[in-house]
Amino acid sequence: MKYKVNKEKCIGCGSCTSICPLGAIKIGADGKAEIDKNKCNNCGKCKEVCPVGAIEEEEDGNQNA
């Protein structure tokens, strides 16, 4: 499962940046979390720790395949 940040929900608290074992998440210039998909191993720790549920599962796009 891949993850994305819902920018409307994200409050920029940094909980996800601290828990990520690979350093794949940073707070961007907009004050919101950003996931580096090249570093992310999709472990889901960020989703578990987010207090506002801003980290969501990304749609696959191949649901009709």
N, C-alpha and C. Protein backbone atom coordinates (compact mmCIF):
# COMPACT_ATOMS: atom_id res chain seq x y z
N MET A 1 0.84 -1.18 0.00
CA MET A 1 0.00 0.00 0.00
C MET A 1 0.89 1.25 0.00
N LYS A 2 0.56 2.20 -0.84
CA LYS A 2 1.30 3.46 -0.89
C LYS A 2 0.50 4.52 -0.16
N TYR A 3 1.20 5.52 0.32
CA TYR A 3 0.55 6.56 1.11
C TYR A 3 0.77 7.95 0.51
N LYS A 4 -0.18 8.83 0.81
CA LYS A 4 -0.09 10.22 0.38
C LYS A 4 -0.55 11.11 1.54
N VAL A 5 -0.21 12.38 1.46
CA VAL A 5 -0.60 13.35 2.48
C VAL A 5 -1.79 14.15 1.96
N ASN A 6 -2.86 14.16 2.74
CA ASN A 6 -4.01 15.02 2.43
C ASN A 6 -3.66 16.40 2.98
N LYS A 7 -3.28 17.31 2.09
CA LYS A 7 -2.81 18.64 2.49
C LYS A 7 -3.87 19.45 3.21
N GLU A 8 -5.13 19.15 2.96
CA GLU A 8 -6.21 19.89 3.64
C GLU A 8 -6.33 19.49 5.10
N LYS A 9 -5.95 18.25 5.42
CA LYS A 9 -6.03 17.77 6.80
C LYS A 9 -4.74 18.02 7.59
N CYS A 10 -3.60 18.00 6.90
CA CYS A 10 -2.30 18.09 7.56
C CYS A 10 -2.15 19.40 8.32
N ILE A 11 -1.69 19.28 9.58
CA ILE A 11 -1.48 20.47 10.42
C ILE A 11 0.01 20.78 10.60
N GLY A 12 0.86 20.00 9.94
CA GLY A 12 2.30 20.25 9.97
C GLY A 12 2.94 20.03 11.33
N CYS A 13 2.42 19.10 12.11
CA CYS A 13 2.92 18.88 13.47
C CYS A 13 4.26 18.17 13.50
N GLY A 14 4.59 17.42 12.44
CA GLY A 14 5.87 16.74 12.36
C GLY A 14 5.91 15.36 12.99
N SER A 15 4.80 14.87 13.49
CA SER A 15 4.78 13.52 14.08
C SER A 15 5.26 12.48 13.08
N CYS A 16 4.84 12.60 11.86
CA CYS A 16 5.21 11.63 10.83
C CYS A 16 6.70 11.71 10.49
N THR A 17 7.26 12.90 10.51
CA THR A 17 8.67 13.05 10.17
C THR A 17 9.55 12.38 11.23
N SER A 18 9.12 12.44 12.48
CA SER A 18 9.91 11.84 13.56
C SER A 18 9.86 10.32 13.56
N ILE A 19 8.74 9.75 13.12
CA ILE A 19 8.57 8.29 13.21
C ILE A 19 9.11 7.56 11.98
N CYS A 20 9.26 8.26 10.88
CA CYS A 20 9.69 7.60 9.64
C CYS A 20 11.13 7.09 9.77
N PRO A 21 11.32 5.75 9.66
CA PRO A 21 12.65 5.18 9.83
C PRO A 21 13.61 5.49 8.68
N LEU A 22 13.08 5.92 7.55
CA LEU A 22 13.91 6.19 6.38
C LEU A 22 14.08 7.67 6.07
N GLY A 23 13.46 8.53 6.87
CA GLY A 23 13.56 9.96 6.62
C GLY A 23 12.88 10.36 5.32
N ALA A 24 11.81 9.67 4.98
CA ALA A 24 11.13 9.90 3.71
C ALA A 24 10.09 11.02 3.78
N ILE A 25 9.86 11.57 4.97
CA ILE A 25 8.85 12.62 5.11
C ILE A 25 9.51 13.87 5.66
N LYS A 26 9.15 15.00 5.06
CA LYS A 26 9.63 16.29 5.55
C LYS A 26 8.47 17.28 5.53
N ILE A 27 8.65 18.35 6.26
CA ILE A 27 7.66 19.43 6.22
C ILE A 27 8.10 20.38 5.12
N GLY A 28 7.24 20.58 4.15
CA GLY A 28 7.56 21.41 2.99
C GLY A 28 7.41 22.90 3.26
N ALA A 29 7.66 23.68 2.24
CA ALA A 29 7.59 25.14 2.33
C ALA A 29 6.18 25.62 2.69
N ASP A 30 5.18 24.80 2.38
CA ASP A 30 3.79 25.17 2.70
C ASP A 30 3.41 24.81 4.13
N GLY A 31 4.38 24.24 4.89
CA GLY A 31 4.10 23.87 6.28
C GLY A 31 3.39 22.55 6.43
N LYS A 32 3.28 21.80 5.35
CA LYS A 32 2.58 20.51 5.35
C LYS A 32 3.59 19.39 5.06
N ALA A 33 3.26 18.19 5.50
CA ALA A 33 4.12 17.04 5.28
C ALA A 33 4.17 16.67 3.80
N GLU A 34 5.33 16.17 3.38
CA GLU A 34 5.52 15.67 2.02
C GLU A 34 6.24 14.33 2.11
N ILE A 35 5.78 13.36 1.35
CA ILE A 35 6.40 12.03 1.34
C ILE A 35 7.25 11.89 0.08
N ASP A 36 8.52 11.55 0.27
CA ASP A 36 9.41 11.26 -0.85
C ASP A 36 9.18 9.81 -1.24
N LYS A 37 8.48 9.61 -2.33
CA LYS A 37 8.09 8.26 -2.75
C LYS A 37 9.29 7.39 -3.12
N ASN A 38 10.42 8.01 -3.43
CA ASN A 38 11.63 7.25 -3.75
C ASN A 38 12.29 6.67 -2.50
N LYS A 39 12.04 7.29 -1.35
CA LYS A 39 12.61 6.81 -0.09
C LYS A 39 11.63 5.95 0.71
N CYS A 40 10.35 6.19 0.56
CA CYS A 40 9.31 5.53 1.35
C CYS A 40 9.24 4.03 1.06
N ASN A 41 9.21 3.22 2.14
CA ASN A 41 9.06 1.77 1.97
C ASN A 41 7.64 1.31 2.30
N ASN A 42 6.72 2.27 2.48
CA ASN A 42 5.30 1.99 2.69
C ASN A 42 5.02 1.17 3.96
N CYS A 43 5.77 1.44 5.02
CA CYS A 43 5.59 0.69 6.27
C CYS A 43 4.31 1.09 7.02
N GLY A 44 3.82 2.31 6.79
CA GLY A 44 2.58 2.75 7.41
C GLY A 44 2.71 3.37 8.79
N LYS A 45 3.94 3.49 9.30
CA LYS A 45 4.12 4.08 10.63
C LYS A 45 3.62 5.51 10.68
N CYS A 46 3.81 6.25 9.61
CA CYS A 46 3.37 7.65 9.56
C CYS A 46 1.85 7.74 9.68
N LYS A 47 1.16 6.84 9.00
CA LYS A 47 -0.31 6.82 9.06
C LYS A 47 -0.80 6.54 10.47
N GLU A 48 -0.12 5.61 11.15
CA GLU A 48 -0.52 5.24 12.50
C GLU A 48 -0.36 6.39 13.49
N VAL A 49 0.65 7.22 13.30
CA VAL A 49 0.97 8.26 14.28
C VAL A 49 0.30 9.61 13.99
N CYS A 50 -0.22 9.81 12.80
CA CYS A 50 -0.81 11.11 12.43
C CYS A 50 -2.06 11.39 13.28
N PRO A 51 -2.05 12.49 14.04
CA PRO A 51 -3.16 12.78 14.94
C PRO A 51 -4.45 13.24 14.24
N VAL A 52 -4.33 13.65 12.98
CA VAL A 52 -5.51 14.15 12.27
C VAL A 52 -5.90 13.29 11.06
N GLY A 53 -5.21 12.15 10.88
CA GLY A 53 -5.55 11.25 9.78
C GLY A 53 -5.24 11.81 8.41
N ALA A 54 -4.19 12.64 8.33
CA ALA A 54 -3.86 13.27 7.05
C ALA A 54 -3.10 12.35 6.10
N ILE A 55 -2.55 11.26 6.62
CA ILE A 55 -1.84 10.33 5.75
C ILE A 55 -2.81 9.22 5.36
N GLU A 56 -3.04 9.14 4.06
CA GLU A 56 -4.08 8.26 3.54
C GLU A 56 -3.50 7.27 2.55
N GLU A 57 -4.22 6.18 2.35
CA GLU A 57 -3.81 5.20 1.35
C GLU A 57 -4.07 5.79 -0.02
N GLU A 58 -3.12 5.57 -0.91
CA GLU A 58 -3.22 6.11 -2.26
C GLU A 58 -4.00 5.13 -3.13
N GLU A 59 -4.89 5.65 -3.95
CA GLU A 59 -5.67 4.82 -4.86
C GLU A 59 -4.73 4.18 -5.87
N ASP A 60 -4.95 2.93 -6.17
CA ASP A 60 -4.11 2.19 -7.11
C ASP A 60 -4.33 2.65 -8.55
N GLY A 61 -5.56 2.86 -8.93
CA GLY A 61 -5.85 3.27 -10.30
C GLY A 61 -6.10 2.09 -11.23
N ASN A 62 -5.75 0.88 -10.79
CA ASN A 62 -5.95 -0.32 -11.61
C ASN A 62 -7.08 -1.18 -11.05
N GLN A 63 -8.08 -0.57 -10.50
CA GLN A 63 -9.15 -1.32 -9.86
C GLN A 63 -10.00 -2.09 -10.87
N ASN A 64 -10.01 -1.67 -12.13
CA ASN A 64 -10.83 -2.34 -13.14
C ASN A 64 -10.04 -3.39 -13.90
N ALA A 65 -8.80 -3.56 -13.56
CA ALA A 65 -7.95 -4.51 -14.29
C ALA A 65 -8.24 -5.94 -13.90
